[in-house]
Amino acid sequence: YDFCFNNISMYGGSSTVNGFAMYIDGSNYGNDSLLILNNIIARFDNNPNSSVIKTDLTGPNVRSDYNLIYSAYGNITPAYSTFAQYQAGTLRDSNSISLDPLFVSTSDLHANATQINNAATPVNYVSADIVGNIRNSTHPTIGAYEVPSAPVAINPIQNISACENTTITLPANFYGTSPLTY
């Protein structure tokens, strides 16, 4: 089973019932493999008993990496309260990050954290994001939405002065697929 390029967020919830932004019950998967890759998984509720992730699956068939895993108020998993403890204790998510994804709102899960840009790893069967934007083939964005490539770097070869209504030609290297704006 593969969970790739998703934005998962848990807001609110009960202060007395444990909750998880992602819960995978191992009894449903048996010895099948599980891949959790390039996702944003975040929780924002203030229940100290809740966690970002809970999975009963262990062993070599479980791979989790290149994710953004974040908890605003506590545990990453029931066994690990911090992201560093989780990484060390599970030997998973060595290339993942933990920071607030800065979602636009509770209903708009476009993330504004720039650290997700170009931080995922390619998945050959996922070529577009949730709205159809083409994924970067070598360094995609973590989460459901692909962020366009970095702005164009313009390197003038000399200082240029111009008056109004004058055309200036600048050399530039453009490595993205997004339209060039200026």
Protein backbone atom coordinates (compact mmCIF):
# COMPACT_ATOMS: atom_id res chain seq x y z
CA TYR A 1 0.00 0.00 0.00
CA ASP A 2 1.33 3.42 -0.93
CA PHE A 3 0.44 6.75 0.63
CA CYS A 4 2.27 9.35 -1.46
CA PHE A 5 1.90 13.13 -1.92
CA ASN A 6 -0.98 13.84 0.47
CA ASN A 7 -1.83 16.71 2.81
CA ILE A 8 -3.35 15.37 6.01
CA SER A 9 -4.37 17.71 8.80
CA MET A 10 -6.14 17.17 12.12
CA TYR A 11 -7.76 20.21 13.75
CA GLY A 12 -9.97 20.35 16.80
CA GLY A 13 -11.21 17.04 18.05
CA SER A 14 -12.04 15.82 21.51
CA SER A 15 -9.95 16.69 24.54
CA THR A 16 -10.69 13.27 26.05
CA VAL A 17 -10.58 10.89 23.06
CA ASN A 18 -7.22 10.02 21.51
CA GLY A 19 -6.94 10.96 17.86
CA PHE A 20 -4.44 10.51 15.07
CA ALA A 21 -3.91 12.44 11.84
CA MET A 22 -2.90 9.09 10.27
CA TYR A 23 -3.74 5.72 11.82
CA ILE A 24 -2.82 2.48 10.07
CA ASP A 25 -4.07 -0.67 11.77
CA GLY A 26 -1.58 -3.45 11.09
CA SER A 27 -4.21 -6.16 11.32
CA ASN A 28 -5.61 -5.02 7.99
CA TYR A 29 -2.31 -5.23 6.10
CA GLY A 30 -0.68 -8.49 7.17
CA ASN A 31 2.77 -8.76 5.61
CA ASP A 32 2.02 -6.31 2.79
CA SER A 33 4.43 -3.46 2.26
CA LEU A 34 3.57 0.08 3.28
CA LEU A 35 5.09 3.18 1.72
CA ILE A 36 4.45 6.59 3.34
CA LEU A 37 6.31 9.04 1.13
CA ASN A 38 6.24 12.79 0.37
CA ASN A 39 3.25 13.61 2.60
CA ILE A 40 2.39 16.48 4.90
CA ILE A 41 0.92 14.96 8.07
CA ALA A 42 0.07 17.52 10.74
CA ARG A 43 -2.05 17.84 13.86
CA PHE A 44 -3.20 21.05 15.47
CA ASP A 45 -5.53 19.85 18.22
CA ASN A 46 -4.46 20.40 21.83
CA ASN A 47 -5.27 16.95 23.20
CA PRO A 48 -2.09 15.78 24.97
CA ASN A 49 -3.09 12.16 24.30
CA SER A 50 -3.35 12.54 20.52
CA SER A 51 -0.54 11.87 18.06
CA VAL A 52 0.31 12.63 14.45
CA ILE A 53 0.85 9.01 13.39
CA LYS A 54 -0.08 5.63 14.80
CA THR A 55 0.76 2.42 13.02
CA ASP A 56 1.00 -1.12 14.30
CA LEU A 57 3.13 -2.15 11.33
CA THR A 58 6.80 -2.80 11.92
CA GLY A 59 9.70 -4.37 10.10
CA PRO A 60 11.35 -4.07 6.71
CA ASN A 61 8.08 -3.80 4.77
CA VAL A 62 7.35 -0.34 6.19
CA ARG A 63 9.08 2.66 4.62
CA SER A 64 8.34 6.23 5.62
CA ASP A 65 10.46 9.13 4.36
CA TYR A 66 10.53 12.58 2.72
CA ASN A 67 7.48 13.64 4.74
CA LEU A 68 6.67 16.74 6.73
CA ILE A 69 5.47 15.44 10.11
CA TYR A 70 4.28 18.08 12.56
CA SER A 71 2.51 18.31 15.88
CA ALA A 72 1.61 21.71 17.28
CA TYR A 73 0.90 20.39 20.77
CA GLY A 74 2.70 17.19 21.53
CA ASN A 75 3.34 13.64 20.48
CA ILE A 76 4.50 12.53 17.06
CA THR A 77 3.46 8.92 17.85
CA PRO A 78 2.12 7.34 21.05
CA ALA A 79 5.67 6.15 21.82
CA TYR A 80 7.66 9.25 20.82
CA SER A 81 6.91 12.80 21.87
CA THR A 82 9.47 14.54 19.65
CA PHE A 83 10.34 14.16 16.01
CA ALA A 84 14.01 13.44 16.83
CA GLN A 85 12.98 10.65 19.22
CA TYR A 86 10.68 9.21 16.56
CA GLN A 87 13.46 9.23 13.92
CA ALA A 88 15.97 7.60 16.27
CA GLY A 89 13.54 5.05 17.67
CA THR A 90 11.99 3.91 14.39
CA LEU A 91 14.90 4.46 11.97
CA ARG A 92 12.34 6.02 9.64
CA ASP A 93 11.96 9.45 8.04
CA SER A 94 15.67 10.28 7.93
CA ASN A 95 14.99 12.73 5.07
CA SER A 96 11.76 14.08 6.55
CA ILE A 97 11.25 17.43 8.26
CA SER A 98 9.17 18.65 11.16
CA LEU A 99 7.80 22.20 11.06
CA ASP A 100 4.50 24.00 10.77
CA PRO A 101 3.34 23.58 7.15
CA LEU A 102 1.60 26.98 7.36
CA PHE A 103 -1.63 25.83 5.73
CA VAL A 104 -3.71 28.65 4.24
CA SER A 105 -6.65 27.65 6.48
CA THR A 106 -8.32 24.63 8.08
CA SER A 107 -10.14 23.98 4.80
CA ASP A 108 -7.42 25.06 2.34
CA LEU A 109 -4.40 22.79 2.78
CA HIS A 110 -2.06 24.64 0.43
CA ALA A 111 1.14 24.83 2.49
CA ASN A 112 3.20 28.01 2.61
CA ALA A 113 6.30 26.54 4.30
CA THR A 114 9.06 27.02 1.73
CA GLN A 115 11.08 24.11 3.16
CA ILE A 116 8.78 21.65 1.34
CA ASN A 117 9.76 23.00 -2.08
CA ASN A 118 11.99 20.54 -3.96
CA ALA A 119 12.28 18.40 -0.78
CA ALA A 120 10.42 15.27 -1.90
CA THR A 121 11.69 12.32 -3.86
CA PRO A 122 10.26 11.31 -7.24
CA VAL A 123 7.64 8.57 -7.45
CA ASN A 124 7.51 7.31 -11.04
CA TYR A 125 3.76 6.67 -11.06
CA VAL A 126 2.85 10.13 -9.66
CA SER A 127 3.50 12.69 -12.38
CA ALA A 128 0.93 15.36 -11.41
CA ASP A 129 -0.35 16.91 -8.20
CA ILE A 130 -3.92 16.86 -6.86
CA VAL A 131 -5.05 19.60 -9.28
CA GLY A 132 -3.14 18.36 -12.33
CA ASN A 133 0.06 20.44 -12.12
CA ILE A 134 3.05 18.47 -13.41
CA ARG A 135 5.39 17.28 -10.65
CA ASN A 136 9.06 18.20 -10.83
CA SER A 137 10.63 14.98 -12.13
CA THR A 138 13.78 15.18 -10.01
CA HIS A 139 12.89 17.25 -6.91
CA PRO A 140 9.12 17.43 -6.38
CA THR A 141 7.37 19.30 -3.59
CA ILE A 142 6.30 17.48 -0.41
CA GLY A 143 2.51 17.22 -0.16
CA ALA A 144 -0.51 17.29 -2.43
CA TYR A 145 0.32 20.52 -4.28
CA GLU A 146 3.38 20.97 -6.50
CA VAL A 147 5.01 24.37 -6.04
CA PRO A 148 6.42 25.86 -9.25
CA SER A 149 10.18 25.87 -9.64
CA ALA A 150 12.22 28.58 -7.98
CA PRO A 151 12.18 32.04 -9.53
CA VAL A 152 14.52 32.71 -12.39
CA ALA A 153 17.96 33.95 -11.45
CA ILE A 154 18.96 36.93 -13.54
CA ASN A 155 22.66 37.69 -13.59
CA PRO A 156 23.42 41.02 -15.28
CA ILE A 157 26.89 41.10 -16.75
CA GLN A 158 27.22 44.80 -16.06
CA ASN A 159 25.36 47.63 -14.37
CA ILE A 160 22.71 48.93 -16.74
CA SER A 161 20.99 52.29 -16.59
CA ALA A 162 17.93 53.05 -18.65
CA CYS A 163 15.30 55.69 -19.11
CA GLU A 164 11.57 55.13 -19.25
CA ASN A 165 10.30 53.24 -22.34
CA THR A 166 13.74 51.74 -23.02
CA THR A 167 14.14 48.04 -23.84
CA ILE A 168 16.77 46.20 -21.81
CA THR A 169 17.94 42.68 -22.65
CA LEU A 170 19.29 40.64 -19.73
CA PRO A 171 20.87 37.19 -19.87
CA ALA A 172 18.97 34.65 -17.74
CA ASN A 173 18.95 30.94 -17.03
CA PHE A 174 15.46 29.48 -16.80
CA TYR A 175 15.15 25.93 -15.44
CA GLY A 176 11.48 25.72 -14.57
CA THR A 177 8.24 24.77 -16.26
CA SER A 178 6.27 27.76 -14.94
CA PRO A 179 5.72 30.88 -17.05
CA LEU A 180 8.36 33.55 -16.74
CA THR A 181 6.99 36.69 -15.08
CA TYR A 182 8.73 39.95 -14.41
